[in-house]
Structure formats: structure tokens, C-alpha cells
Protein backbone atom coordinates (compact mmCIF):
# COMPACT_ATOMS: atom_id res chain seq x y z
CA UNK A 1 142.40 120.97 -68.30
CA UNK A 2 138.97 122.45 -68.93
CA UNK A 3 139.13 125.39 -71.36
CA UNK A 4 135.91 127.16 -70.54
CA UNK A 5 134.41 129.10 -67.70
CA UNK A 6 132.27 126.99 -65.38
CA UNK A 7 129.34 128.66 -63.76
CA UNK A 8 127.59 127.00 -60.82
CA UNK A 9 125.41 128.40 -58.07
CA UNK A 10 125.88 131.88 -59.51
CA UNK A 11 129.65 131.74 -59.08
CA UNK A 12 132.04 132.10 -62.02
CA UNK A 13 135.07 129.86 -61.89
CA UNK A 14 138.27 130.76 -63.82
CA UNK A 15 139.63 128.94 -66.79
CA UNK A 16 141.73 125.82 -66.46
CA UNK A 17 139.89 124.68 -63.35
CA UNK A 18 139.95 120.93 -62.88
CA UNK A 19 136.71 118.93 -62.73
CA UNK A 20 137.73 117.74 -59.26
CA UNK A 21 137.86 121.37 -58.11
CA UNK A 22 134.38 121.89 -59.50
CA UNK A 23 133.06 118.84 -57.67
CA UNK A 24 134.75 119.97 -54.47
CA UNK A 25 133.14 123.39 -54.79
CA UNK A 26 129.75 121.74 -55.31
CA UNK A 27 130.20 119.64 -52.19
CA UNK A 28 131.20 122.67 -50.15
CA UNK A 29 128.20 124.56 -51.49
CA UNK A 30 125.91 121.71 -50.46
CA UNK A 31 127.41 121.54 -46.95
CA UNK A 32 127.04 125.30 -46.48
CA UNK A 33 123.44 125.11 -47.71
CA UNK A 34 122.57 122.42 -45.17
CA UNK A 35 124.39 124.29 -42.39
CA UNK A 36 122.54 127.46 -43.32
CA UNK A 37 119.27 125.53 -43.12
CA UNK A 38 120.07 124.31 -39.60
CA UNK A 39 120.99 127.83 -38.46
CA UNK A 40 117.92 129.40 -40.09
CA UNK A 41 115.46 126.94 -38.54
CA UNK A 42 117.22 127.23 -35.18
CA UNK A 43 117.06 131.05 -35.28
CA UNK A 44 113.38 130.89 -36.14
CA UNK A 45 112.66 128.63 -33.14
CA UNK A 46 114.62 130.89 -30.79
CA UNK A 47 112.69 133.91 -32.07
CA UNK A 48 109.38 132.14 -31.47
CA UNK A 49 110.53 131.23 -27.94
CA UNK A 50 111.44 134.83 -27.15
CA UNK A 51 107.95 135.89 -28.27
CA UNK A 52 106.39 133.42 -25.82
CA UNK A 53 106.98 134.81 -22.30
CA UNK A 54 104.89 132.02 -20.75
CA UNK A 55 107.28 129.35 -22.02
CA UNK A 56 110.29 131.29 -20.76
CA UNK A 57 108.67 131.66 -17.34
CA UNK A 58 107.94 127.93 -17.19
CA UNK A 59 111.56 127.23 -18.13
CA UNK A 60 112.65 129.22 -15.09
CA UNK A 61 109.94 128.08 -12.65
CA UNK A 62 110.07 124.34 -13.38
CA UNK A 63 113.57 123.93 -11.85
CA UNK A 64 112.26 125.45 -8.61
CA UNK A 65 109.58 122.75 -8.47
CA UNK A 66 111.80 119.87 -9.60
CA UNK A 67 115.04 120.64 -7.79
CA UNK A 68 113.82 122.88 -4.98
CA UNK A 69 110.81 120.88 -3.82
CA UNK A 70 111.36 117.29 -4.95
CA UNK A 71 115.14 117.43 -4.55
CA UNK A 72 114.99 119.29 -1.26
CA UNK A 73 112.53 116.77 0.21
CA UNK A 74 114.70 113.83 -0.83
CA UNK A 75 117.83 115.46 0.60
CA UNK A 76 116.14 115.89 3.95
CA UNK A 77 114.82 112.34 4.13
CA UNK A 78 117.07 110.03 2.08
CA UNK A 79 120.58 111.46 2.16
CA UNK A 80 121.98 109.22 4.88
CA UNK A 81 124.28 106.24 4.25
CA UNK A 82 124.79 106.74 0.51
CA UNK A 83 128.54 107.32 0.55
CA UNK A 84 128.24 110.51 -1.50
CA UNK A 85 126.48 113.87 -1.39
CA UNK A 86 122.91 113.38 -2.62
CA UNK A 87 122.60 117.10 -3.37
CA UNK A 88 125.33 117.17 -6.03
CA UNK A 89 124.16 113.81 -7.35
CA UNK A 90 120.61 115.15 -7.91
CA UNK A 91 121.71 118.55 -9.19
CA UNK A 92 123.57 116.95 -12.09
CA UNK A 93 120.68 114.61 -12.85
CA UNK A 94 118.09 117.40 -12.69
CA UNK A 95 120.17 119.61 -15.00
CA UNK A 96 120.28 116.88 -17.65
CA UNK A 97 116.60 116.13 -17.08
CA UNK A 98 115.78 119.78 -17.84
CA UNK A 99 117.69 119.54 -21.11
CA UNK A 100 115.69 116.48 -22.13
CA UNK A 101 112.32 117.79 -20.93
CA UNK A 102 112.40 121.20 -22.58
CA UNK A 103 114.00 120.01 -25.81
CA UNK A 104 111.30 117.34 -26.16
CA UNK A 105 108.62 119.88 -25.23
CA UNK A 106 109.96 122.29 -27.83
CA UNK A 107 109.54 119.66 -30.53
CA UNK A 108 105.76 119.78 -30.03
CA UNK A 109 105.81 123.06 -31.95
CA UNK A 110 105.90 120.82 -35.03
CA UNK A 111 102.17 120.33 -34.40
CA UNK A 112 101.59 124.08 -34.72
CA UNK A 113 103.73 124.18 -37.86
CA UNK A 114 101.67 121.32 -39.26
CA UNK A 115 98.40 123.18 -38.67
CA UNK A 116 99.71 126.37 -40.32
CA UNK A 117 101.26 124.40 -43.21
CA UNK A 118 104.70 125.73 -42.32
CA UNK A 119 106.16 122.20 -42.36
CA UNK A 120 104.87 121.75 -45.90
CA UNK A 121 106.69 124.91 -46.95
CA UNK A 122 109.90 123.64 -45.36
CA UNK A 123 109.65 120.17 -46.88
CA UNK A 124 109.31 121.45 -50.45
CA UNK A 125 112.66 123.24 -50.12
CA UNK A 126 115.66 121.45 -51.70
CA UNK A 127 117.39 120.64 -48.42
CA UNK A 128 117.83 117.55 -46.31
CA UNK A 129 114.98 116.61 -43.95
CA UNK A 130 117.62 115.92 -41.32
CA UNK A 131 118.81 119.54 -41.48
CA UNK A 132 115.26 120.73 -40.82
CA UNK A 133 114.82 118.40 -37.85
CA UNK A 134 118.27 119.12 -36.37
CA UNK A 135 117.63 122.87 -36.70
CA UNK A 136 114.33 122.36 -34.87
CA UNK A 137 116.05 120.45 -32.07
CA UNK A 138 118.82 123.02 -31.66
CA UNK A 139 116.19 125.78 -31.62
CA UNK A 140 114.37 123.96 -28.82
CA UNK A 141 117.69 123.79 -26.99
CA UNK A 142 117.42 127.52 -26.16
CA UNK A 143 114.70 127.02 -23.55
CA UNK A 144 116.41 123.83 -22.33
CA UNK A 145 119.68 125.66 -21.64
CA UNK A 146 117.80 128.40 -19.76
CA UNK A 147 116.12 125.75 -17.64
CA UNK A 148 119.42 124.00 -16.93
CA UNK A 149 120.98 127.30 -15.82
CA UNK A 150 117.96 127.95 -13.59
CA UNK A 151 118.40 124.48 -12.07
CA UNK A 152 122.01 125.24 -11.25
CA UNK A 153 120.92 128.56 -9.73
CA UNK A 154 118.37 126.76 -7.52
CA UNK A 155 121.12 124.36 -6.47
CA UNK A 156 123.32 127.33 -5.55
CA UNK A 157 120.55 128.72 -3.33
CA UNK A 158 120.31 125.29 -1.67
CA UNK A 159 124.06 125.37 -1.01
CA UNK A 160 125.01 122.91 -3.77
CA UNK A 161 127.88 124.06 -5.96
CA UNK A 162 129.87 122.52 -8.80
CA UNK A 163 133.32 123.61 -10.07
CA UNK A 164 133.13 126.13 -12.90
CA UNK A 165 135.38 124.08 -15.20
CA UNK A 166 133.13 121.04 -14.88
CA UNK A 167 130.02 123.14 -15.46
CA UNK A 168 131.56 124.41 -18.70
CA UNK A 169 132.24 120.81 -19.78
CA UNK A 170 128.60 119.88 -19.13
CA UNK A 171 127.53 122.96 -21.10
CA UNK A 172 129.79 121.83 -23.96
CA UNK A 173 128.11 118.40 -23.91
CA UNK A 174 124.58 119.85 -23.74
CA UNK A 175 124.04 120.03 -27.56
CA UNK A 176 124.64 116.27 -27.80
CA UNK A 177 122.24 115.62 -24.92
CA UNK A 178 119.57 117.93 -26.36
CA UNK A 179 119.98 116.25 -29.74
CA UNK A 180 119.44 112.89 -28.05
CA UNK A 181 116.27 114.07 -26.29
CA UNK A 182 114.88 115.78 -29.38
CA UNK A 183 115.58 112.77 -31.61
CA UNK A 184 113.75 110.49 -29.17
CA UNK A 185 110.77 112.86 -29.10
CA UNK A 186 110.65 112.90 -32.92
CA UNK A 187 109.69 109.21 -32.99
CA UNK A 188 106.43 110.06 -31.23
CA UNK A 189 105.78 113.57 -32.51
CA UNK A 190 106.49 112.55 -36.10
CA UNK A 191 103.24 110.58 -36.15
CA UNK A 192 101.12 112.67 -33.73
CA UNK A 193 99.18 115.63 -35.10
CA UNK A 194 97.28 116.64 -31.97
CA UNK A 195 98.92 119.11 -29.57
CA UNK A 196 97.29 117.66 -26.44
CA UNK A 197 98.35 114.13 -27.33
CA UNK A 198 101.83 115.37 -28.20
CA UNK A 199 102.21 117.01 -24.77
CA UNK A 200 101.14 113.75 -23.13
CA UNK A 201 103.65 111.87 -25.28
CA UNK A 202 106.43 114.17 -24.08
CA UNK A 203 105.54 113.41 -20.47
CA UNK A 204 105.53 109.73 -21.37
CA UNK A 205 109.05 110.17 -22.76
CA UNK A 206 110.50 112.21 -19.90
CA UNK A 207 108.86 111.07 -16.66
CA UNK A 208 109.82 107.35 -16.79
CA UNK A 209 113.39 108.32 -17.63
CA UNK A 210 113.47 110.71 -14.70
CA UNK A 211 112.87 107.84 -12.28
CA UNK A 212 114.59 105.00 -14.13
CA UNK A 213 117.74 106.68 -15.47
CA UNK A 214 119.20 107.73 -12.12
CA UNK A 215 118.26 111.41 -12.22
CA UNK A 216 117.25 111.64 -8.56
CA UNK A 217 117.93 108.19 -7.09
CA UNK A 218 120.84 105.76 -7.71
CA UNK A 219 120.14 102.82 -10.03
CA UNK A 220 123.43 100.92 -9.75
CA UNK A 221 121.72 98.04 -7.96
CA UNK A 222 118.61 97.82 -10.13
CA UNK A 223 117.85 94.32 -11.42
CA UNK A 224 115.34 92.56 -13.63
CA UNK A 225 112.92 94.61 -15.73
CA UNK A 226 113.94 97.89 -14.07
CA UNK A 227 117.57 97.35 -15.07
CA UNK A 228 116.60 96.47 -18.66
CA UNK A 229 114.39 99.56 -18.98
CA UNK A 230 117.05 101.85 -17.54
CA UNK A 231 119.65 100.57 -20.01
CA UNK A 232 117.28 101.28 -22.93
CA UNK A 233 116.84 104.95 -22.02
CA UNK A 234 119.15 107.57 -23.58
CA UNK A 235 118.96 109.79 -20.51
CA UNK A 236 120.68 107.06 -18.45
CA UNK A 237 123.88 107.48 -20.45
CA UNK A 238 123.62 111.28 -20.63
CA UNK A 239 123.27 111.58 -16.86
CA UNK A 240 126.08 109.07 -16.29
CA UNK A 241 128.37 110.95 -18.68
CA UNK A 242 127.69 114.26 -16.91
CA UNK A 243 128.43 112.66 -13.54
CA UNK A 244 131.63 111.14 -14.92
CA UNK A 245 132.74 114.66 -15.85
CA UNK A 246 131.92 116.11 -12.42
CA UNK A 247 133.18 113.23 -10.26
CA UNK A 248 136.32 112.50 -12.29
CA UNK A 249 139.26 111.95 -9.94
CA UNK A 250 137.12 111.99 -6.78
CA UNK A 251 136.78 109.11 -4.26
CA UNK A 252 133.03 108.95 -4.99
CA UNK A 253 133.54 108.22 -8.69
CA UNK A 254 133.04 104.45 -8.48
CA UNK A 255 129.96 104.87 -6.27
CA UNK A 256 128.27 107.30 -8.66
CA UNK A 257 129.39 106.54 -12.23
CA UNK A 258 128.20 103.28 -13.83
CA UNK A 259 129.90 103.18 -17.26
CA UNK A 260 133.12 104.30 -18.89
CA UNK A 261 132.64 107.80 -20.43
CA UNK A 262 133.65 106.44 -23.85
CA UNK A 263 130.91 103.81 -23.61
CA UNK A 264 128.43 106.52 -22.63
CA UNK A 265 129.39 108.65 -25.64
CA UNK A 266 129.16 105.74 -28.08
CA UNK A 267 125.75 104.66 -26.78
CA UNK A 268 124.40 108.22 -26.84
CA UNK A 269 125.55 108.71 -30.44
CA UNK A 270 124.16 105.33 -31.54
CA UNK A 271 120.77 105.89 -29.90
CA UNK A 272 120.59 109.47 -31.18
CA UNK A 273 121.36 108.51 -34.78
CA UNK A 274 118.86 105.64 -34.65
CA UNK A 275 116.08 107.79 -33.18
CA UNK A 276 116.86 110.63 -35.59
CA UNK A 277 116.59 108.36 -38.64
CA UNK A 278 113.34 106.75 -37.49
CA UNK A 279 111.78 110.00 -36.25
CA UNK A 280 112.67 111.96 -39.38
CA UNK A 281 111.26 109.18 -41.56
CA UNK A 282 107.94 109.23 -39.68
CA UNK A 283 107.87 113.03 -39.79
CA UNK A 284 108.49 113.30 -43.53
CA UNK A 285 106.11 110.45 -44.32
CA UNK A 286 103.24 111.91 -42.25
CA UNK A 287 103.57 115.24 -44.05
CA UNK A 288 103.80 113.62 -47.46
CA UNK A 289 100.52 111.68 -47.10
CA UNK A 290 98.44 114.62 -45.86
């Protein structure tokens, strides 16, 4: 038994506290500190988004262009002979695409933070770099969720509906999907310090995935290089997981879903962790050598 009062992090602990209790308290304090960092950075990003009406307008208008125009044109010209409703198929893909696009776009604000030295101020704080990056990604998720909701609203206007329970499941999965998109963007944005180049990099990240991951057209029968590229893209597994949720138990399931949902989840987590580690390393290193 320890016979003195232990003071740590401004908290007085009573006598006779075991050293294991002290270590446990320290671990809890560290976890809460990292969680507080994530929440603080996320809240800051949401506040910045709310002060940028143009970005909010784009988040709401883009689904009209993507789903309303592109999706509507495809439905009118390519919907025959597929064995499933192309409208629902595209609506799910477009919703996930919006999550990826706007989360990745939101990560370009790191360029602005770099120019104002805000990233330097964050990096000197005694917290994990991963907490800073994850908070940034979750903050960017705000505009992405708005865009996804707008996409579903456009689908409703077009007469495409999804069950409420399945929509809630997709919403529950959206943080994982946004984290995947933001982590992938970090690999590029971590080494780019020009806003124009960063915006081009985001398009380079999102647009190929939009066409190769099955967002608007089926890819079950892709072969060769197209198949290899599609299997390397995180959005492929995110879109497939969302469709597995929506089509579960339906006759169209085997025609629409490519992989087992467990496989999708494992691949998403593996790719997200890998991209997050690499992207955070590049980000921290580029700021350190300024």
C-alpha cells in the first residue's frame, strides 16, 4: 500500500491507493485527452463550415447535378435488362460517393491551416497526431452528411425510396466510410501545400473511384486492369457494404452485392488504417521540415 497522497493531472488521490490504480487513472486521463482533442478539432471544422455558406450550398447543389442529371440520364437510357432497379442501385452509390467526395474536399482545409500556421500550433500540443487528423476527418464529415441527405432527397423527388431502417444503418456506417475517404485523401494532401493542386488531387482521388467502384454502373463482370483497379479502391468496398445492407434478403442481392459484408468491413478497416498511418506520417513530416 502507498502511504502518501498522489497528485496527478491536478487530481488528488486518497491514501492507500495502489500503484495499479494510479496507472489506470493515468491511462484514462490520456484516453480522455485524446478524445477531447478529436471532439475539439471536429467542432472547430464544423464551425468553419457553418461560416462558409458557399460550401454548404455546394454540398446541397452537387447531389442535384450528380444524381439528378447524370443518374436521371442513365436511368432513362441504360436501365433495361439489368435484373434490378438501376435507380436504387445508383442512389446508394451516389450517397456513398458524396461521403467520400466532401470528406476528401474538406481535408484540403489543411492547406489553409498550413498557411496560417494553425497546423504548427496544433502539432506542438502534447496529443497524438492521429487524434488531430481523425478530428479533422470527422469535422469534414459534417458537409459530407449534408450532401448524402441531399442526395437521398433528390432520389425521393425522382421516385426512388429506401426503407427507413436501412437508411439509418447506412447513416450508422457513414463515419467509417468518411474516415476511409479522409484517410485516403491524407496521403496526397499531407505532402501538397498548394490549394489548387490539392483540389485537383481530390478530384483525382474521387472521380476514378466513381466510375471504377460501381457507384453508377455495375462492375461485377469487370476483368483485367479494370478489375484490379476497382479492387484497390476503398470506395468499392464501402459501396458494396451499403448495398449489402439495403438489398439484404431481397432476390436482387446476388446480382448487386459482390462480397460478403464481413469481408467488406475487414478490407475497409485495413485500407483505412494503412492510409491513416501513411497520410499522418506525411502530414507530420511535412510540417516538421518547414
